[in-house]
Protein backbone atom coordinates (compact mmCIF):
# COMPACT_ATOMS: atom_id res chain seq x y z
CA MET A 1 0.07 0.04 0.00
CA LYS A 2 1.06 3.62 -0.57
CA ALA A 3 2.01 4.20 2.98
CA ARG A 4 3.23 7.77 3.02
CA GLY A 5 0.83 9.29 0.56
CA PHE A 6 -2.12 7.19 2.17
CA TYR A 7 -1.50 8.69 5.61
CA ASN A 8 -0.79 12.07 4.38
CA GLY A 9 -3.97 12.29 2.55
CA MET A 10 -6.02 11.18 5.51
CA VAL A 11 -4.18 13.64 7.79
CA SER A 12 -4.72 16.63 5.56
CA GLY A 13 -8.35 15.75 5.46
CA PHE A 14 -8.68 15.62 9.28
CA LEU A 15 -6.76 18.66 9.68
CA LEU A 16 -9.20 20.43 7.47
CA LEU A 17 -12.09 19.35 9.67
CA LEU A 18 -10.19 20.86 12.55
CA SER A 19 -9.59 24.15 10.67
CA VAL A 20 -13.04 24.70 10.03
CA GLY A 21 -14.05 23.92 13.60
CA VAL A 22 -14.71 20.15 13.16
CA THR A 23 -18.50 20.42 13.40
CA SER A 24 -20.92 23.24 12.57
CA ALA A 25 -22.22 23.38 16.03
CA LEU A 26 -18.63 23.83 17.45
CA ALA A 27 -17.79 26.42 14.80
CA GLN A 28 -20.76 28.49 15.97
CA SER A 29 -19.52 28.45 19.64
CA GLN A 30 -15.68 28.58 19.24
CA SER A 31 -13.06 29.40 16.72
CA ALA A 32 -10.84 26.47 15.60
CA SER A 33 -7.95 28.28 17.36
CA GLU A 34 -9.82 28.63 20.67
CA TRP A 35 -10.81 24.93 20.51
CA THR A 36 -7.43 23.67 19.87
CA ALA A 37 -5.88 25.78 22.64
CA THR A 38 -8.28 24.61 25.15
CA VAL A 39 -9.43 21.03 24.33
CA GLY A 40 -6.31 19.67 26.07
CA ASN A 41 -7.57 21.21 29.34
CA HIS A 42 -10.77 19.11 29.19
CA TYR A 43 -9.44 15.59 28.35
CA ILE A 44 -7.49 13.04 30.20
CA VAL A 45 -5.56 10.21 28.58
CA HIS A 46 -4.89 6.67 29.86
CA LEU A 47 -1.98 5.64 27.92
CA ASP A 48 -0.64 1.99 27.15
CA GLN A 49 -3.50 0.06 28.77
CA GLN A 50 -2.76 -3.59 28.02
CA TYR A 51 -5.73 -5.57 26.95
CA GLY A 52 -3.86 -8.69 25.91
CA PHE A 53 -0.64 -10.53 25.50
CA GLN A 54 0.02 -12.87 22.39
CA ASN A 55 3.10 -14.30 20.91
CA ASN A 56 5.26 -12.45 23.39
CA ILE A 57 3.60 -9.12 22.36
CA ALA A 58 1.87 -6.66 24.77
CA LEU A 59 -1.35 -5.53 23.00
CA LYS A 60 -2.09 -2.10 24.02
CA LEU A 61 -4.67 0.70 23.53
CA ASP A 62 -5.06 4.29 24.82
CA VAL A 63 -8.28 5.81 26.37
CA TRP A 64 -9.27 9.25 26.22
CA GLU A 65 -11.93 10.66 28.41
CA PRO A 66 -13.34 14.20 29.22
CA LYS A 67 -12.05 15.38 32.45
CA ASP A 68 -14.31 15.24 35.59
CA ASN A 69 -17.05 13.24 33.70
CA GLU A 70 -18.94 10.88 35.90
CA LYS A 71 -21.55 9.53 33.56
CA PRO A 72 -21.47 6.93 30.89
CA LEU A 73 -20.72 8.55 27.54
CA PRO A 74 -20.74 7.46 23.77
CA THR A 75 -17.53 5.96 23.06
CA VAL A 76 -15.80 5.44 19.79
CA VAL A 77 -13.33 2.63 19.23
CA TYR A 78 -10.73 3.63 16.48
CA ILE A 79 -8.80 1.00 14.65
CA HIS A 80 -5.89 2.27 12.59
CA GLY A 81 -5.28 1.11 9.04
CA GLY A 82 -2.17 -0.03 7.11
CA GLY A 83 -3.01 -3.09 5.08
CA TRP A 84 -2.53 -5.27 8.32
CA PHE A 85 1.19 -4.90 7.88
CA PHE A 86 2.23 -1.30 8.94
CA GLY A 87 1.14 1.55 11.14
CA ASP A 88 0.31 1.86 14.80
CA ARG A 89 -2.06 3.74 17.06
CA THR A 90 0.22 6.71 17.61
CA GLY A 91 -0.28 7.78 14.10
CA ALA A 92 -3.86 7.73 14.23
CA PHE A 93 -4.47 10.81 16.37
CA PRO A 94 -5.56 13.16 13.60
CA GLN A 95 -8.39 10.73 12.94
CA LEU A 96 -9.71 11.05 16.46
CA LEU A 97 -10.12 14.82 16.28
CA PRO A 98 -13.83 14.76 15.10
CA TYR A 99 -14.83 12.55 18.10
CA PHE A 100 -12.98 14.87 20.46
CA ALA A 101 -15.12 17.76 19.17
CA ARG A 102 -18.16 15.78 20.04
CA GLY A 103 -17.08 15.23 23.52
CA TRP A 104 -17.13 11.34 23.32
CA ASN A 105 -14.78 8.86 25.03
CA ILE A 106 -12.10 7.60 22.54
CA VAL A 107 -10.33 4.21 22.55
CA ASN A 108 -7.47 3.99 20.15
CA VAL A 109 -6.40 0.45 19.43
CA GLU A 110 -3.20 -1.21 18.37
CA TYR A 111 -3.03 -4.85 17.10
CA ARG A 112 -0.51 -7.42 15.65
CA MET A 113 0.73 -6.78 12.13
CA SER A 114 1.03 -9.51 9.58
CA GLY A 115 4.80 -9.45 10.32
CA GLN A 116 4.25 -10.58 13.78
CA SER A 117 1.27 -12.93 13.32
CA LEU A 118 -0.75 -13.92 10.44
CA ALA A 119 -4.58 -13.81 10.06
CA PRO A 120 -6.81 -14.04 11.94
CA ALA A 121 -4.55 -12.55 14.70
CA ALA A 122 -5.44 -8.96 13.85
CA VAL A 123 -9.27 -9.79 14.22
CA GLU A 124 -8.72 -11.64 17.42
CA ASP A 125 -6.86 -8.70 18.84
CA SER A 126 -9.72 -6.39 17.88
CA VAL A 127 -12.20 -8.55 19.54
CA CYS A 128 -10.19 -8.69 22.71
CA ALA A 129 -9.78 -4.86 22.71
CA LEU A 130 -13.56 -4.75 22.65
CA ARG A 131 -13.98 -7.25 25.38
CA TRP A 132 -11.49 -5.15 27.32
CA VAL A 133 -13.70 -1.88 26.79
CA TYR A 134 -16.60 -4.00 27.98
CA ARG A 135 -14.74 -5.19 31.12
CA ASN A 136 -13.58 -1.65 31.96
CA ALA A 137 -16.62 0.21 31.04
CA LYS A 138 -17.48 1.50 34.63
CA GLN A 139 -13.99 2.62 35.17
CA PHE A 140 -13.70 4.64 32.06
CA HIS A 141 -17.43 5.80 31.84
CA VAL A 142 -18.28 3.82 28.67
CA ASP A 143 -22.00 3.69 27.70
CA LEU A 144 -22.20 0.06 26.36
CA ASP A 145 -25.23 1.09 24.40
CA ARG A 146 -23.44 3.72 22.52
CA ILE A 147 -20.23 2.19 21.36
CA ILE A 148 -19.22 3.14 17.83
CA VAL A 149 -16.37 1.23 16.12
CA THR A 150 -14.50 2.88 13.11
CA GLY A 151 -11.37 2.66 11.13
CA HIS A 152 -9.78 3.36 7.80
CA SER A 153 -8.76 0.62 5.27
CA ALA A 154 -7.53 -2.28 7.29
CA GLY A 155 -9.09 -0.56 10.32
CA GLY A 156 -12.25 -0.40 8.48
CA HIS A 157 -12.18 -4.00 7.94
CA LEU A 158 -11.52 -4.73 11.54
CA SER A 159 -14.28 -2.35 12.71
CA LEU A 160 -16.73 -4.39 10.42
CA MET A 161 -15.57 -7.62 11.90
CA LEU A 162 -16.49 -6.19 15.39
CA GLY A 163 -19.85 -5.28 13.96
CA VAL A 164 -20.73 -8.49 12.62
CA PHE A 165 -18.95 -10.59 15.33
CA ASP A 166 -20.40 -13.96 15.95
CA ALA A 167 -19.24 -15.77 19.08
CA SER A 168 -19.53 -19.22 17.38
CA SER A 169 -16.51 -18.01 15.06
CA GLY A 170 -14.09 -18.67 17.85
CA LEU A 171 -12.55 -15.35 16.91
CA ASP A 172 -12.53 -14.37 20.73
CA SER A 173 -10.30 -17.42 21.60
CA GLY A 174 -7.75 -14.95 23.00
CA CYS A 175 -10.18 -13.67 25.56
CA PRO A 176 -13.25 -15.83 25.90
CA ALA A 177 -16.14 -14.91 27.80
CA ASP A 178 -15.69 -15.48 31.47
CA ALA A 179 -18.52 -15.52 34.15
CA ALA A 180 -15.98 -14.42 36.58
CA TRP A 181 -15.67 -11.20 34.68
CA GLY A 182 -19.58 -10.86 34.39
CA ASP A 183 -18.99 -11.02 30.61
CA VAL A 184 -22.02 -10.38 28.27
CA PRO A 185 -22.21 -10.97 24.54
CA LEU A 186 -20.19 -8.42 22.77
CA LYS A 187 -22.00 -5.88 20.50
CA VAL A 188 -21.71 -2.38 19.21
CA ALA A 189 -24.25 0.29 18.46
CA ALA A 190 -22.82 1.09 14.93
CA VAL A 191 -19.92 0.77 12.52
CA VAL A 192 -18.31 3.51 10.39
CA ASN A 193 -16.35 1.79 7.73
CA TRP A 194 -13.75 3.82 5.75
CA TYR A 195 -13.13 1.86 2.56
CA GLY A 196 -12.45 -1.35 4.36
CA VAL A 197 -12.29 -4.90 2.89
CA SER A 198 -15.38 -7.14 3.21
CA ASP A 199 -14.21 -10.18 1.27
CA VAL A 200 -10.68 -11.31 1.86
CA ASN A 201 -10.63 -14.15 -0.61
CA ASP A 202 -11.50 -11.87 -3.40
CA LEU A 203 -7.99 -10.10 -2.89
CA LEU A 204 -5.97 -13.32 -2.96
CA ALA A 205 -6.22 -14.15 -6.74
CA GLY A 206 -7.48 -12.72 -9.92
CA LYS A 207 -7.74 -9.25 -11.03
CA ASP A 208 -8.25 -7.82 -7.58
CA ARG A 209 -5.29 -9.67 -6.15
CA LYS A 210 -3.45 -7.47 -3.49
CA THR A 211 -0.11 -8.22 -2.08
CA TYR A 212 -0.97 -6.92 1.34
CA ALA A 213 -3.65 -9.49 1.55
CA VAL A 214 -1.62 -12.39 0.34
CA SER A 215 0.96 -11.44 3.07
CA TRP A 216 -1.62 -11.23 5.85
CA LEU A 217 -2.85 -14.75 4.90
CA GLY A 218 0.72 -16.07 4.41
CA ASP A 219 1.51 -19.82 3.71
CA GLN A 220 -1.08 -21.14 6.12
CA GLN A 221 -2.88 -24.26 5.12
CA ASN A 222 -6.62 -23.80 4.17
CA VAL A 223 -6.07 -20.24 3.19
CA ALA A 224 -9.39 -19.86 1.60
CA ASP A 225 -10.87 -21.03 4.81
CA VAL A 226 -9.01 -18.53 6.98
CA ALA A 227 -9.80 -15.78 4.44
CA ARG A 228 -13.50 -16.57 4.67
CA GLU A 229 -13.27 -16.64 8.56
CA VAL A 230 -11.85 -13.10 8.53
CA SER A 231 -14.29 -11.59 5.87
CA PRO A 232 -17.19 -9.56 7.18
CA LEU A 233 -19.39 -10.82 4.20
CA THR A 234 -19.33 -14.22 5.91
CA TYR A 235 -21.31 -13.07 8.78
CA VAL A 236 -23.90 -10.79 7.50
CA ARG A 237 -27.21 -11.68 8.91
CA PRO A 238 -30.41 -9.99 10.17
CA GLY A 239 -30.03 -8.13 13.47
CA LEU A 240 -26.65 -6.55 12.93
CA PRO A 241 -25.81 -2.94 14.06
CA PRO A 242 -26.16 -0.19 11.53
CA ILE A 243 -23.34 0.21 9.19
CA ILE A 244 -22.18 3.21 7.12
CA SER A 245 -19.35 2.76 4.47
CA ILE A 246 -17.43 5.42 2.78
CA HIS A 247 -15.45 4.56 -0.41
CA GLY A 248 -14.13 6.08 -3.49
CA ASP A 249 -15.16 4.47 -6.61
CA SER A 250 -11.55 4.75 -8.16
CA ASP A 251 -9.99 3.16 -5.27
CA ASP A 252 -7.04 1.07 -6.57
CA VAL A 253 -6.07 -0.38 -3.07
CA VAL A 254 -9.19 -1.68 -1.73
CA PRO A 255 -11.67 -2.08 -4.64
CA TYR A 256 -14.94 -0.11 -4.43
CA SER A 257 -16.80 -3.41 -5.24
CA GLN A 258 -15.92 -4.61 -1.73
CA SER A 259 -18.22 -1.85 -0.26
CA VAL A 260 -20.90 -2.24 -2.98
CA ARG A 261 -21.12 -6.06 -2.25
CA LEU A 262 -21.38 -5.43 1.53
CA HIS A 263 -24.16 -2.74 0.98
CA GLN A 264 -26.05 -5.23 -1.15
CA ALA A 265 -25.77 -8.05 1.26
CA LEU A 266 -26.79 -6.01 4.34
CA ALA A 267 -29.68 -4.65 2.38
CA LYS A 268 -30.73 -8.08 1.55
CA ALA A 269 -30.48 -8.98 5.19
CA LYS A 270 -32.46 -6.08 6.06
CA VAL A 271 -29.66 -4.42 8.11
CA LYS A 272 -29.65 -0.64 8.18
CA ASN A 273 -26.79 0.63 6.31
CA GLU A 274 -25.68 3.36 3.82
CA LEU A 275 -22.87 3.42 1.15
CA VAL A 276 -21.36 6.95 0.74
CA THR A 277 -19.72 6.87 -2.82
CA ILE A 278 -16.98 9.35 -3.47
CA PRO A 279 -17.05 9.95 -7.20
CA GLY A 280 -13.48 9.46 -8.54
CA GLY A 281 -12.19 9.07 -4.90
CA LYS A 282 -8.94 7.06 -4.36
CA HIS A 283 -7.77 5.28 -1.32
CA GLY A 284 -7.95 7.98 1.34
CA PHE A 285 -7.43 10.79 -1.17
CA PHE A 286 -10.65 12.64 -0.75
CA SER A 287 -10.85 16.46 -1.38
CA ASP A 288 -11.57 18.58 1.63
CA LYS A 289 -15.20 19.10 0.53
CA GLU A 290 -15.70 15.61 -0.01
CA THR A 291 -14.35 14.76 3.37
CA LEU A 292 -16.55 17.28 5.14
CA ALA A 293 -19.61 16.03 3.09
CA ALA A 294 -18.84 12.50 4.15
CA TYR A 295 -18.72 13.40 7.79
CA ASP A 296 -21.97 15.22 7.74
CA LYS A 297 -23.66 12.05 6.23
CA VAL A 298 -21.82 10.02 9.01
CA TRP A 299 -23.11 12.23 11.90
CA LYS A 300 -26.67 12.14 10.32
CA PHE A 301 -26.63 8.33 10.10
CA LEU A 302 -25.35 7.84 13.56
CA ASP A 303 -27.73 10.30 15.04
CA GLU A 304 -30.72 8.64 13.24
CA ASN A 305 -29.69 5.12 14.14
CA VAL A 306 -28.15 5.24 17.65
CA PRO A 307 -30.65 5.97 20.33
CA GLY A 308 -29.74 8.95 22.48
CA LEU A 309 -26.62 9.67 20.43
CA SER A 310 -27.67 13.26 19.21
CA LEU A 311 -28.47 14.43 22.66
CA ALA A 312 -24.88 13.53 23.81
CA VAL A 313 -23.14 15.95 21.29
CA ARG A 314 -21.33 18.67 23.00
CA THR A 315 -21.48 21.97 20.98
CA GLU A 316 -18.49 23.22 22.97
CA ILE A 317 -16.15 22.12 25.76
CA HIS A 318 -16.18 24.61 28.72
């Protein structure tokens, strides 16, 4: 994947969001410069929270929460992209800014790369990160009925996998439900998928073959079975949470057809979903106008489909 350009494109888009006040409500109450100067006074961060340990690797995440808050809040779980082979949570900070502006809790997740562990490791780690959020919800004031999962590219795929998670898949083997923890079934309120993969097998051969996908699966036996196990399309069924996907129709890294097929399958299963198409959009290289328009649609979709979410939006932090 085109690492430097990919991340620069996303960062510039999110900095634009910040420069215009991030949300229209915020822009009405504070200038961008005022917001950036003061937001640090109103958030606290809990760095390097260990949610698991696999293959001699400590799996960590960061939690950001509004200072002095004592009530359960909407919480976004962000999973970074990078083709399952590069990137880490520290590079994801610009993508978190829109959620700071809404006054939500933010969980920023890191997971094993393909050079450390092949598929399905990244999916298993993401599931365990969500399990950790559930187990620590009280401490960090997480409203379990208003957890939004999101990510870009590989992070979009992993967010989808959390949205469609099926306990019978065994993908929680690294953190199985435990009555001693009071564990309950894992679920999220909605998924915001930025051009993520929905069918991994489609990327292993043929015209849409992608090296990053082949590398993630590696030389395992029954590669096709593993690819199916880590494909969101495998688990589409009625009753899933609302899912919104944003995808450029000229994406040469994750084919646009991945989101089209997901949209069609979800619609057939009568799952509330929306596909936001960016005409001519590449992989993360959306224009400023397109990025802002996409976020407008994301907020509208979430507010309409997650009960009580719109009431939780902060128009300013004071």
